[in-house]
């Protein structure tokens, strides 16, 4: 599935009527844009440029990046649940907004975030 002007594309996740991934107009190392596809219409729209990855999507079209969740025009950061914790990282998002992932402090630990 290609967006207008794209030379290549890749999908990282799909659920329901939505898919997320990346499109490119140059080589695979340059001119990359993260997108969310509406599979009903085939239209791809760029996700918030603050996201450095598009790892998952739920059936509502909510996009999970590595450190934030995009709800259309609103971002919710995945904060550290424990003081002193660095590097929250999301791995998957459920249809109810539950995010599972990991946090890194002195060691890598599983984590979850609700209402994201």
PDB file of N, CA and C in Angstrom:
ATOM      1  N   UNK A   1       0.851  -1.168   0.000  1.00  0.00           N
ATOM      2  CA  UNK A   1       0.000   0.000   0.000  1.00  0.00           C
ATOM      3  C   UNK A   1       0.900   1.236   0.000  1.00  0.00           C
ATOM      4  N   UNK A   2       0.803   2.045  -1.015  1.00  0.00           N
ATOM      5  CA  UNK A   2       1.639   3.233  -1.126  1.00  0.00           C
ATOM      6  C   UNK A   2       0.795   4.499  -1.048  1.00  0.00           C
ATOM      7  N   UNK A   3       1.368   5.502  -0.415  1.00  0.00           N
ATOM      8  CA  UNK A   3       0.752   6.828  -0.389  1.00  0.00           C
ATOM      9  C   UNK A   3       1.211   7.576  -1.641  1.00  0.00           C
ATOM     10  N   UNK A   4       0.460   8.592  -2.071  1.00  0.00           N
ATOM     11  CA  UNK A   4       0.872   9.370  -3.247  1.00  0.00           C
ATOM     12  C   UNK A   4       2.289   9.912  -3.082  1.00  0.00           C
ATOM     13  N   UNK A   5       3.126   9.714  -4.088  1.00  0.00           N
ATOM     14  CA  UNK A   5       4.498  10.206  -4.067  1.00  0.00           C
ATOM     15  C   UNK A   5       5.488   9.275  -3.383  1.00  0.00           C
ATOM     16  N   UNK A   6       5.025   8.223  -2.727  1.00  0.00           N
ATOM     17  CA  UNK A   6       5.920   7.304  -2.029  1.00  0.00           C
ATOM     18  C   UNK A   6       6.531   6.306  -3.010  1.00  0.00           C
ATOM     19  N   UNK A   7       7.794   5.949  -2.762  1.00  0.00           N
ATOM     20  CA  UNK A   7       8.467   4.932  -3.575  1.00  0.00           C
ATOM     21  C   UNK A   7       8.446   3.582  -2.876  1.00  0.00           C
ATOM     22  N   UNK A   8       8.310   3.588  -1.564  1.00  0.00           N
ATOM     23  CA  UNK A   8       8.284   2.337  -0.802  1.00  0.00           C
ATOM     24  C   UNK A   8       7.491   2.545   0.473  1.00  0.00           C
ATOM     25  N   UNK A   9       7.063   1.462   1.083  1.00  0.00           N
ATOM     26  CA  UNK A   9       6.318   1.539   2.338  1.00  0.00           C
ATOM     27  C   UNK A   9       6.534   0.265   3.130  1.00  0.00           C
ATOM     28  N   UNK A  10       6.257   0.346   4.415  1.00  0.00           N
ATOM     29  CA  UNK A  10       6.340  -0.818   5.288  1.00  0.00           C
ATOM     30  C   UNK A  10       5.323  -0.685   6.405  1.00  0.00           C
ATOM     31  N   UNK A  11       4.671  -1.786   6.736  1.00  0.00           N
ATOM     32  CA  UNK A  11       3.672  -1.779   7.802  1.00  0.00           C
ATOM     33  C   UNK A  11       4.257  -2.470   9.020  1.00  0.00           C
ATOM     34  N   UNK A  12       4.128  -1.825  10.193  1.00  0.00           N
ATOM     35  CA  UNK A  12       4.639  -2.422  11.427  1.00  0.00           C
ATOM     36  C   UNK A  12       3.538  -3.069  12.250  1.00  0.00           C
ATOM     37  N   UNK A  13       2.280  -2.646  12.077  1.00  0.00           N
ATOM     38  CA  UNK A  13       1.172  -3.239  12.836  1.00  0.00           C
ATOM     39  C   UNK A  13      -0.145  -2.888  12.159  1.00  0.00           C
ATOM     40  N   UNK A  14      -1.147  -3.728  12.396  1.00  0.00           N
ATOM     41  CA  UNK A  14      -2.494  -3.459  11.884  1.00  0.00           C
ATOM     42  C   UNK A  14      -3.508  -4.057  12.839  1.00  0.00           C
ATOM     43  N   UNK A  15      -4.636  -3.359  12.987  1.00  0.00           N
ATOM     44  CA  UNK A  15      -5.753  -3.868  13.791  1.00  0.00           C
ATOM     45  C   UNK A  15      -7.021  -3.185  13.324  1.00  0.00           C
ATOM     46  N   UNK A  16      -8.061  -3.978  13.160  1.00  0.00           N
ATOM     47  CA  UNK A  16      -9.329  -3.422  12.698  1.00  0.00           C
ATOM     48  C   UNK A  16      -9.170  -2.773  11.344  1.00  0.00           C
ATOM     49  N   UNK A  17      -9.586  -1.537  11.237  1.00  0.00           N
ATOM     50  CA  UNK A  17      -9.507  -0.797   9.976  1.00  0.00           C
ATOM     51  C   UNK A  17      -8.272   0.081   9.870  1.00  0.00           C
ATOM     52  N   UNK A  18      -7.261  -0.161  10.712  1.00  0.00           N
ATOM     53  CA  UNK A  18      -6.098   0.721  10.759  1.00  0.00           C
ATOM     54  C   UNK A  18      -4.792  -0.057  10.620  1.00  0.00           C
ATOM     55  N   UNK A  19      -3.806   0.598  10.022  1.00  0.00           N
ATOM     56  CA  UNK A  19      -2.446   0.068   9.957  1.00  0.00           C
ATOM     57  C   UNK A  19      -1.492   1.236  10.185  1.00  0.00           C
ATOM     58  N   UNK A  20      -0.318   0.947  10.741  1.00  0.00           N
ATOM     59  CA  UNK A  20       0.711   1.965  10.923  1.00  0.00           C
ATOM     60  C   UNK A  20       2.020   1.459  10.342  1.00  0.00           C
ATOM     61  N   UNK A  21       2.838   2.392   9.916  1.00  0.00           N
ATOM     62  CA  UNK A  21       4.132   2.034   9.362  1.00  0.00           C
ATOM     63  C   UNK A  21       4.845   3.261   8.857  1.00  0.00           C
ATOM     64  N   UNK A  22       5.583   3.067   7.789  1.00  0.00           N
ATOM     65  CA  UNK A  22       6.422   4.137   7.273  1.00  0.00           C
ATOM     66  C   UNK A  22       6.356   4.129   5.743  1.00  0.00           C
ATOM     67  N   UNK A  23       6.448   5.321   5.163  1.00  0.00           N
ATOM     68  CA  UNK A  23       6.562   5.458   3.717  1.00  0.00           C
ATOM     69  C   UNK A  23       7.832   6.238   3.437  1.00  0.00           C
ATOM     70  N   UNK A  24       8.354   6.099   2.241  1.00  0.00           N
ATOM     71  CA  UNK A  24       9.556   6.825   1.877  1.00  0.00           C
ATOM     72  C   UNK A  24       9.523   7.281   0.439  1.00  0.00           C
ATOM     73  N   UNK A  25      10.176   8.414   0.201  1.00  0.00           N
ATOM     74  CA  UNK A  25      10.264   8.943  -1.152  1.00  0.00           C
ATOM     75  C   UNK A  25      11.674   8.816  -1.715  1.00  0.00           C
ATOM     76  N   UNK A  26      12.627   8.409  -0.869  1.00  0.00           N
ATOM     77  CA  UNK A  26      14.010   8.222  -1.317  1.00  0.00           C
ATOM     78  C   UNK A  26      14.459   6.820  -0.968  1.00  0.00           C
ATOM     79  N   UNK A  27      15.737   6.694  -0.611  1.00  0.00           N
ATOM     80  CA  UNK A  27      16.243   5.394  -0.192  1.00  0.00           C
ATOM     81  C   UNK A  27      15.638   5.053   1.169  1.00  0.00           C
ATOM     82  N   UNK A  28      15.810   3.818   1.613  1.00  0.00           N
ATOM     83  CA  UNK A  28      15.207   3.401   2.878  1.00  0.00           C
ATOM     84  C   UNK A  28      15.801   4.116   4.085  1.00  0.00           C
ATOM     85  N   UNK A  29      16.934   4.790   3.921  1.00  0.00           N
ATOM     86  CA  UNK A  29      17.558   5.503   5.039  1.00  0.00           C
ATOM     87  C   UNK A  29      17.235   6.992   5.060  1.00  0.00           C
ATOM     88  N   UNK A  30      16.482   7.481   4.094  1.00  0.00           N
ATOM     89  CA  UNK A  30      16.190   8.916   4.043  1.00  0.00           C
ATOM     90  C   UNK A  30      14.748   9.157   3.619  1.00  0.00           C
ATOM     91  N   UNK A  31      14.278  10.365   3.894  1.00  0.00           N
ATOM     92  CA  UNK A  31      12.938  10.798   3.481  1.00  0.00           C
ATOM     93  C   UNK A  31      11.852   9.819   3.921  1.00  0.00           C
ATOM     94  N   UNK A  32      11.851   9.511   5.209  1.00  0.00           N
ATOM     95  CA  UNK A  32      10.882   8.587   5.786  1.00  0.00           C
ATOM     96  C   UNK A  32       9.802   9.374   6.523  1.00  0.00           C
ATOM     97  N   UNK A  33       8.560   8.924   6.437  1.00  0.00           N
ATOM     98  CA  UNK A  33       7.453   9.531   7.159  1.00  0.00           C
ATOM     99  C   UNK A  33       6.632   8.423   7.805  1.00  0.00           C
ATOM    100  N   UNK A  34       6.382   8.553   9.098  1.00  0.00           N
ATOM    101  CA  UNK A  34       5.515   7.604   9.787  1.00  0.00           C
ATOM    102  C   UNK A  34       4.072   7.925   9.447  1.00  0.00           C
ATOM    103  N   UNK A  35       3.282   6.891   9.152  1.00  0.00           N
ATOM    104  CA  UNK A  35       1.900   7.107   8.732  1.00  0.00           C
ATOM    105  C   UNK A  35       0.949   6.115   9.402  1.00  0.00           C
ATOM    106  N   UNK A  36      -0.322   6.531   9.416  1.00  0.00           N
ATOM    107  CA  UNK A  36      -1.429   5.659   9.822  1.00  0.00           C
ATOM    108  C   UNK A  36      -2.348   5.556   8.609  1.00  0.00           C
ATOM    109  N   UNK A  37      -2.618   4.328   8.158  1.00  0.00           N
ATOM    110  CA  UNK A  37      -3.498   4.089   7.027  1.00  0.00           C
ATOM    111  C   UNK A  37      -4.894   3.780   7.517  1.00  0.00           C
ATOM    112  N   UNK A  38      -5.886   4.372   6.880  1.00  0.00           N
ATOM    113  CA  UNK A  38      -7.273   3.983   7.063  1.00  0.00           C
ATOM    114  C   UNK A  38      -7.520   2.904   6.006  1.00  0.00           C
ATOM    115  N   UNK A  39      -7.630   1.668   6.421  1.00  0.00           N
ATOM    116  CA  UNK A  39      -7.742   0.562   5.485  1.00  0.00           C
ATOM    117  C   UNK A  39      -9.072   0.540   4.734  1.00  0.00           C
ATOM    118  N   UNK A  40     -10.073   1.254   5.257  1.00  0.00           N
ATOM    119  CA  UNK A  40     -11.352   1.346   4.537  1.00  0.00           C
ATOM    120  C   UNK A  40     -11.219   2.199   3.289  1.00  0.00           C
ATOM    121  N   UNK A  41     -10.419   3.263   3.386  1.00  0.00           N
ATOM    122  CA  UNK A  41     -10.287   4.204   2.274  1.00  0.00           C
ATOM    123  C   UNK A  41      -8.947   4.101   1.557  1.00  0.00           C
ATOM    124  N   UNK A  42      -7.938   3.509   2.207  1.00  0.00           N
ATOM    125  CA  UNK A  42      -6.601   3.439   1.643  1.00  0.00           C
ATOM    126  C   UNK A  42      -5.795   4.706   1.832  1.00  0.00           C
ATOM    127  N   UNK A  43      -6.347   5.689   2.539  1.00  0.00           N
ATOM    128  CA  UNK A  43      -5.680   6.974   2.737  1.00  0.00           C
ATOM    129  C   UNK A  43      -4.658   6.863   3.875  1.00  0.00           C
ATOM    130  N   UNK A  44      -3.458   7.362   3.618  1.00  0.00           N
ATOM    131  CA  UNK A  44      -2.402   7.406   4.623  1.00  0.00           C
ATOM    132  C   UNK A  44      -2.237   8.841   5.101  1.00  0.00           C
ATOM    133  N   UNK A  45      -2.135   9.019   6.426  1.00  0.00           N
ATOM    134  CA  UNK A  45      -1.909  10.343   7.004  1.00  0.00           C
ATOM    135  C   UNK A  45      -0.688  10.276   7.910  1.00  0.00           C
ATOM    136  N   UNK A  46       0.138  11.295   7.858  1.00  0.00           N
ATOM    137  CA  UNK A  46       1.328  11.342   8.703  1.00  0.00           C
ATOM    138  C   UNK A  46       0.925  11.393  10.168  1.00  0.00           C
ATOM    139  N   UNK A  47       1.668  10.678  11.016  1.00  0.00           N
ATOM    140  CA  UNK A  47       1.444  10.771  12.452  1.00  0.00           C
ATOM    141  C   UNK A  47       2.268  11.940  12.981  1.00  0.00           C
ATOM    142  N   UNK A  48       2.053  12.281  14.239  1.00  0.00           N
ATOM    143  CA  UNK A  48       2.760  13.400  14.849  1.00  0.00           C
ATOM    144  C   UNK A  48       4.265  13.209  14.687  1.00  0.00           C
ATOM    145  N   UNK A  49       4.979  14.208  14.192  1.00  0.00           N
ATOM    146  CA  UNK A  49       6.423  14.059  13.957  1.00  0.00           C
ATOM    147  C   UNK A  49       7.250  13.885  15.231  1.00  0.00           C
ATOM    148  N   UNK A  50       6.648  14.099  16.402  1.00  0.00           N
ATOM    149  CA  UNK A  50       7.366  13.860  17.656  1.00  0.00           C
ATOM    150  C   UNK A  50       7.644  12.367  17.827  1.00  0.00           C
ATOM    151  N   UNK A  51       6.762  11.524  17.298  1.00  0.00           N
ATOM    152  CA  UNK A  51       6.970  10.080  17.403  1.00  0.00           C
ATOM    153  C   UNK A  51       8.142   9.675  16.512  1.00  0.00           C
ATOM    154  N   UNK A  52       9.060   8.889  17.062  1.00  0.00           N
ATOM    155  CA  UNK A  52      10.193   8.413  16.268  1.00  0.00           C
ATOM    156  C   UNK A  52       9.936   7.019  15.716  1.00  0.00           C
ATOM    157  N   UNK A  53       8.821   6.415  16.140  1.00  0.00           N
ATOM    158  CA  UNK A  53       8.436   5.108  15.622  1.00  0.00           C
ATOM    159  C   UNK A  53       6.926   4.963  15.735  1.00  0.00           C
ATOM    160  N   UNK A  54       6.381   4.080  14.934  1.00  0.00           N
ATOM    161  CA  UNK A  54       4.967   3.712  15.019  1.00  0.00           C
ATOM    162  C   UNK A  54       4.956   2.204  15.211  1.00  0.00           C
ATOM    163  N   UNK A  55       4.854   1.788  16.471  1.00  0.00           N
ATOM    164  CA  UNK A  55       5.021   0.375  16.812  1.00  0.00           C
ATOM    165  C   UNK A  55       3.737  -0.429  16.780  1.00  0.00           C
ATOM    166  N   UNK A  56       2.606   0.207  17.105  1.00  0.00           N
ATOM    167  CA  UNK A  56       1.354  -0.525  17.188  1.00  0.00           C
ATOM    168  C   UNK A  56       0.202   0.449  16.975  1.00  0.00           C
ATOM    169  N   UNK A  57      -0.975  -0.110  16.707  1.00  0.00           N
ATOM    170  CA  UNK A  57      -2.197   0.665  16.543  1.00  0.00           C
ATOM    171  C   UNK A  57      -3.343  -0.177  17.097  1.00  0.00           C
ATOM    172  N   UNK A  58      -4.332   0.488  17.687  1.00  0.00           N
ATOM    173  CA  UNK A  58      -5.489  -0.275  18.146  1.00  0.00           C
ATOM    174  C   UNK A  58      -6.652  -0.085  17.181  1.00  0.00           C
ATOM    175  N   UNK A  59      -7.782  -0.731  17.461  1.00  0.00           N
ATOM    176  CA  UNK A  59      -8.915  -0.698  16.529  1.00  0.00           C
ATOM    177  C   UNK A  59      -9.565   0.680  16.425  1.00  0.00           C
ATOM    178  N   UNK A  60      -9.210   1.588  17.318  1.00  0.00           N
ATOM    179  CA  UNK A  60      -9.714   2.967  17.251  1.00  0.00           C
ATOM    180  C   UNK A  60      -8.804   3.877  16.436  1.00  0.00           C
ATOM    181  N   UNK A  61      -7.658   3.348  15.989  1.00  0.00           N
ATOM    182  CA  UNK A  61      -6.710   4.144  15.227  1.00  0.00           C
ATOM    183  C   UNK A  61      -5.713   4.879  16.088  1.00  0.00           C
ATOM    184  N   UNK A  62      -5.677   4.583  17.385  1.00  0.00           N
ATOM    185  CA  UNK A  62      -4.712   5.204  18.291  1.00  0.00           C
ATOM    186  C   UNK A  62      -3.344   4.584  18.035  1.00  0.00           C
ATOM    187  N   UNK A  63      -2.337   5.426  17.823  1.00  0.00           N
ATOM    188  CA  UNK A  63      -1.002   4.968  17.449  1.00  0.00           C
ATOM    189  C   UNK A  63      -0.074   4.970  18.659  1.00  0.00           C
ATOM    190  N   UNK A  64       0.643   3.860  18.844  1.00  0.00           N
ATOM    191  CA  UNK A  64       1.657   3.767  19.887  1.00  0.00           C
ATOM    192  C   UNK A  64       3.022   3.975  19.274  1.00  0.00           C
ATOM    193  N   UNK A  65       3.711   5.025  19.737  1.00  0.00           N
ATOM    194  CA  UNK A  65       5.117   5.220  19.402  1.00  0.00           C
ATOM    195  C   UNK A  65       5.942   4.591  20.504  1.00  0.00           C
ATOM    196  N   UNK A  66       7.234   4.736  20.455  1.00  0.00           N
ATOM    197  CA  UNK A  66       8.061   4.101  21.473  1.00  0.00           C
ATOM    198  C   UNK A  66       7.895   4.733  22.849  1.00  0.00           C
ATOM    199  N   UNK A  67       7.647   6.051  22.921  1.00  0.00           N
ATOM    200  CA  UNK A  67       7.552   6.731  24.214  1.00  0.00           C
ATOM    201  C   UNK A  67       6.303   7.593  24.375  1.00  0.00           C
ATOM    202  N   UNK A  68       5.351   7.476  23.449  1.00  0.00           N
ATOM    203  CA  UNK A  68       4.133   8.275  23.522  1.00  0.00           C
ATOM    204  C   UNK A  68       3.020   7.602  22.728  1.00  0.00           C
ATOM    205  N   UNK A  69       1.781   8.020  23.038  1.00  0.00           N
ATOM    206  CA  UNK A  69       0.589   7.538  22.338  1.00  0.00           C
ATOM    207  C   UNK A  69      -0.037   8.729  21.624  1.00  0.00           C
ATOM    208  N   UNK A  70      -0.385   8.543  20.336  1.00  0.00           N
ATOM    209  CA  UNK A  70      -0.999   9.612  19.571  1.00  0.00           C
ATOM    210  C   UNK A  70      -2.488   9.335  19.391  1.00  0.00           C
ATOM    211  N   UNK A  71      -3.289  10.298  19.817  1.00  0.00           N
ATOM    212  CA  UNK A  71      -4.742  10.272  19.634  1.00  0.00           C
ATOM    213  C   UNK A  71      -5.097  11.364  18.636  1.00  0.00           C
ATOM    214  N   UNK A  72      -4.810  11.172  17.383  1.00  0.00           N
ATOM    215  CA  UNK A  72      -5.088  12.214  16.398  1.00  0.00           C
ATOM    216  C   UNK A  72      -4.212  13.426  16.631  1.00  0.00           C
ATOM    217  N   UNK A  73      -4.770  14.481  17.197  1.00  0.00           N
ATOM    218  CA  UNK A  73      -4.001  15.710  17.419  1.00  0.00           C
ATOM    219  C   UNK A  73      -3.472  15.846  18.848  1.00  0.00           C
ATOM    220  N   UNK A  74      -3.566  14.797  19.647  1.00  0.00           N
ATOM    221  CA  UNK A  74      -3.128  14.859  21.048  1.00  0.00           C
ATOM    222  C   UNK A  74      -2.132  13.734  21.341  1.00  0.00           C
ATOM    223  N   UNK A  75      -1.033  14.087  22.041  1.00  0.00           N
ATOM    224  CA  UNK A  75      -0.026  13.104  22.449  1.00  0.00           C
ATOM    225  C   UNK A  75      -0.093  12.881  23.948  1.00  0.00           C
ATOM    226  N   UNK A  76       0.077  11.631  24.377  1.00  0.00           N
ATOM    227  CA  UNK A  76       0.179  11.287  25.788  1.00  0.00           C
ATOM    228  C   UNK A  76       1.530  10.596  25.972  1.00  0.00           C
ATOM    229  N   UNK A  77       2.408  11.217  26.736  1.00  0.00           N
ATOM    230  CA  UNK A  77       3.736  10.640  26.974  1.00  0.00           C
ATOM    231  C   UNK A  77       3.639   9.468  27.941  1.00  0.00           C
ATOM    232  N   UNK A  78       4.472   8.449  27.720  1.00  0.00           N
ATOM    233  CA  UNK A  78       4.579   7.333  28.658  1.00  0.00           C
ATOM    234  C   UNK A  78       5.604   7.732  29.712  1.00  0.00           C
ATOM    235  N   UNK A  79       5.123   8.183  30.849  1.00  0.00           N
ATOM    236  CA  UNK A  79       6.012   8.615  31.917  1.00  0.00           C
ATOM    237  C   UNK A  79       6.512   7.444  32.732  1.00  0.00           C
ATOM    238  N   UNK A  80       7.574   7.658  33.438  1.00  0.00           N
ATOM    239  CA  UNK A  80       8.081   6.646  34.352  1.00  0.00           C
ATOM    240  C   UNK A  80       7.145   6.510  35.540  1.00  0.00           C
ATOM    241  N   UNK A  81       6.756   5.296  35.863  1.00  0.00           N
ATOM    242  CA  UNK A  81       5.827   5.061  36.969  1.00  0.00           C
ATOM    243  C   UNK A  81       6.527   5.064  38.316  1.00  0.00           C
ATOM    244  N   UNK A  82       7.840   4.938  38.310  1.00  0.00           N
ATOM    245  CA  UNK A  82       8.616   4.863  39.548  1.00  0.00           C
ATOM    246  C   UNK A  82       9.663   5.972  39.503  1.00  0.00           C
ATOM    247  N   UNK A  83       9.825   6.747  40.589  1.00  0.00           N
ATOM    248  CA  UNK A  83      10.827   7.822  40.586  1.00  0.00           C
ATOM    249  C   UNK A  83      12.215   7.290  40.210  1.00  0.00           C
ATOM    250  N   UNK A  84      12.928   8.041  39.401  1.00  0.00           N
ATOM    251  CA  UNK A  84      14.270   7.668  38.996  1.00  0.00           C
ATOM    252  C   UNK A  84      14.337   6.730  37.810  1.00  0.00           C
ATOM    253  N   UNK A  85      13.186   6.349  37.272  1.00  0.00           N
ATOM    254  CA  UNK A  85      13.170   5.432  36.142  1.00  0.00           C
ATOM    255  C   UNK A  85      13.386   6.216  34.854  1.00  0.00           C
ATOM    256  N   UNK A  86      14.237   5.696  34.005  1.00  0.00           N
ATOM    257  CA  UNK A  86      14.494   6.307  32.702  1.00  0.00           C
ATOM    258  C   UNK A  86      13.921   5.412  31.608  1.00  0.00           C
ATOM    259  N   UNK A  87      13.773   5.989  30.483  1.00  0.00           N
ATOM    260  CA  UNK A  87      13.487   5.257  29.262  1.00  0.00           C
ATOM    261  C   UNK A  87      12.258   4.355  29.296  1.00  0.00           C
ATOM    262  N   UNK A  88      11.054   4.937  29.437  1.00  0.00           N
ATOM    263  CA  UNK A  88       9.863   4.116  29.235  1.00  0.00           C
ATOM    264  C   UNK A  88       9.772   3.742  27.756  1.00  0.00           C
ATOM    265  N   UNK A  89       9.317   2.539  27.460  1.00  0.00           N
ATOM    266  CA  UNK A  89       9.245   2.090  26.084  1.00  0.00           C
ATOM    267  C   UNK A  89       7.996   1.243  25.895  1.00  0.00           C
ATOM    268  N   UNK A  90       7.087   1.678  25.025  1.00  0.00           N
ATOM    269  CA  UNK A  90       5.864   0.938  24.757  1.00  0.00           C
ATOM    270  C   UNK A  90       6.082  -0.130  23.707  1.00  0.00           C
ATOM    271  N   UNK A  91       5.408  -1.273  23.901  1.00  0.00           N
ATOM    272  CA  UNK A  91       5.523  -2.379  22.948  1.00  0.00           C
ATOM    273  C   UNK A  91       4.193  -2.704  22.278  1.00  0.00           C
ATOM    274  N   UNK A  92       3.072  -2.476  22.978  1.00  0.00           N
ATOM    275  CA  UNK A  92       1.776  -2.806  22.405  1.00  0.00           C
ATOM    276  C   UNK A  92       0.667  -2.011  23.057  1.00  0.00           C
ATOM    277  N   UNK A  93      -0.412  -1.757  22.309  1.00  0.00           N
ATOM    278  CA  UNK A  93      -1.562  -1.024  22.840  1.00  0.00           C
ATOM    279  C   UNK A  93      -2.838  -1.822  22.577  1.00  0.00           C
ATOM    280  N   UNK A  94      -3.655  -1.960  23.605  1.00  0.00           N
ATOM    281  CA  UNK A  94      -4.931  -2.674  23.498  1.00  0.00           C
ATOM    282  C   UNK A  94      -6.024  -1.701  23.073  1.00  0.00           C
ATOM    283  N   UNK A  95      -7.162  -2.252  22.688  1.00  0.00           N
ATOM    284  CA  UNK A  95      -8.283  -1.420  22.258  1.00  0.00           C
ATOM    285  C   UNK A  95      -8.810  -0.514  23.364  1.00  0.00           C
ATOM    286  N   UNK A  96      -8.610  -0.892  24.634  1.00  0.00           N
ATOM    287  CA  UNK A  96      -9.064  -0.061  25.751  1.00  0.00           C
ATOM    288  C   UNK A  96      -8.026   0.982  26.166  1.00  0.00           C
ATOM    289  N   UNK A  97      -6.919   1.093  25.446  1.00  0.00           N
ATOM    290  CA  UNK A  97      -5.900   2.090  25.751  1.00  0.00           C
ATOM    291  C   UNK A  97      -4.790   1.602  26.661  1.00  0.00           C
ATOM    292  N   UNK A  98      -4.859   0.376  27.147  1.00  0.00           N
ATOM    293  CA  UNK A  98      -3.794  -0.179  27.982  1.00  0.00           C
ATOM    294  C   UNK A  98      -2.542  -0.363  27.130  1.00  0.00           C
ATOM    295  N   UNK A  99      -1.420   0.153  27.626  1.00  0.00           N
ATOM    296  CA  UNK A  99      -0.138   0.014  26.932  1.00  0.00           C
ATOM    297  C   UNK A  99       0.757  -0.878  27.778  1.00  0.00           C
ATOM    298  N   UNK A 100       1.404  -1.830  27.149  1.00  0.00           N
ATOM    299  CA  UNK A 100       2.391  -2.658  27.821  1.00  0.00           C
ATOM    300  C   UNK A 100       3.750  -2.357  27.217  1.00  0.00           C
ATOM    301  N   UNK A 101       4.774  -2.464  28.059  1.00  0.00           N
ATOM    302  CA  UNK A 101       6.121  -2.166  27.594  1.00  0.00           C
ATOM    303  C   UNK A 101       7.126  -2.430  28.678  1.00  0.00           C
ATOM    304  N   UNK A 102       8.125  -1.572  28.737  1.00  0.00           N
ATOM    305  CA  UNK A 102       9.193  -1.742  29.717  1.00  0.00           C
ATOM    306  C   UNK A 102       9.714  -0.388  30.166  1.00  0.00           C
ATOM    307  N   UNK A 103      10.360  -0.390  31.311  1.00  0.00           N
ATOM    308  CA  UNK A 103      11.045   0.797  31.819  1.00  0.00           C
ATOM    309  C   UNK A 103      12.458   0.380  32.190  1.00  0.00           C
ATOM    310  N   UNK A 104      13.367   1.327  32.134  1.00  0.00           N
ATOM    311  CA  UNK A 104      14.762   1.026  32.413  1.00  0.00           C
ATOM    312  C   UNK A 104      15.255   1.954  33.502  1.00  0.00           C
ATOM    313  N   UNK A 105      15.668   1.410  34.608  1.00  0.00           N
ATOM    314  CA  UNK A 105      16.322   2.141  35.681  1.00  0.00           C
ATOM    315  C   UNK A 105      17.681   1.505  35.838  1.00  0.00           C
ATOM    316  N   UNK A 106      17.875   0.823  36.933  1.00  0.00           N
ATOM    317  CA  UNK A 106      19.110   0.057  37.092  1.00  0.00           C
ATOM    318  C   UNK A 106      19.014  -1.266  36.338  1.00  0.00           C
ATOM    319  N   UNK A 107      17.783  -1.652  35.954  1.00  0.00           N
ATOM    320  CA  UNK A 107      17.570  -2.865  35.157  1.00  0.00           C
ATOM    321  C   UNK A 107      16.267  -2.715  34.382  1.00  0.00           C
ATOM    322  N   UNK A 108      16.114  -3.479  33.344  1.00  0.00           N
ATOM    323  CA  UNK A 108      14.920  -3.455  32.517  1.00  0.00           C
ATOM    324  C   UNK A 108      13.778  -4.154  33.242  1.00  0.00           C
ATOM    325  N   UNK A 109      12.611  -3.489  33.327  1.00  0.00           N
ATOM    326  CA  UNK A 109      11.451  -4.070  34.010  1.00  0.00           C
ATOM    327  C   UNK A 109      10.209  -3.928  33.155  1.00  0.00           C
ATOM    328  N   UNK A 110       9.297  -4.924  33.214  1.00  0.00           N
ATOM    329  CA  UNK A 110       8.033  -4.793  32.493  1.00  0.00           C
ATOM    330  C   UNK A 110       7.199  -3.672  33.100  1.00  0.00           C
ATOM    331  N   UNK A 111       6.364  -3.052  32.279  1.00  0.00           N
ATOM    332  CA  UNK A 111       5.523  -1.952  32.757  1.00  0.00           C
ATOM    333  C   UNK A 111       4.219  -1.943  31.976  1.00  0.00           C
ATOM    334  N   UNK A 112       3.226  -1.264  32.551  1.00  0.00           N
ATOM    335  CA  UNK A 112       1.964  -1.026  31.855  1.00  0.00           C
ATOM    336  C   UNK A 112       1.478   0.360  32.202  1.00  0.00           C
ATOM    337  N   UNK A 113       0.765   0.944  31.279  1.00  0.00           N
ATOM    338  CA  UNK A 113       0.185   2.253  31.465  1.00  0.00           C
ATOM    339  C   UNK A 113      -1.288   2.147  31.125  1.00  0.00           C
ATOM    340  N   UNK A 114      -2.149   2.739  31.947  1.00  0.00           N
ATOM    341  CA  UNK A 114      -3.589   2.693  31.677  1.00  0.00           C
ATOM    342  C   UNK A 114      -4.076   4.061  31.223  1.00  0.00           C
ATOM    343  N   UNK A 115      -5.193   4.075  30.549  1.00  0.00           N
ATOM    344  CA  UNK A 115      -5.838   5.308  30.075  1.00  0.00           C
ATOM    345  C   UNK A 115      -4.929   6.145  29.175  1.00  0.00           C
ATOM    346  N   UNK A 116      -4.166   5.507  28.334  1.00  0.00           N
ATOM    347  CA  UNK A 116      -3.265   6.250  27.436  1.00  0.00           C
ATOM    348  C   UNK A 116      -3.963   6.677  26.183  1.00  0.00           C
TER     349      UNK A 116
END
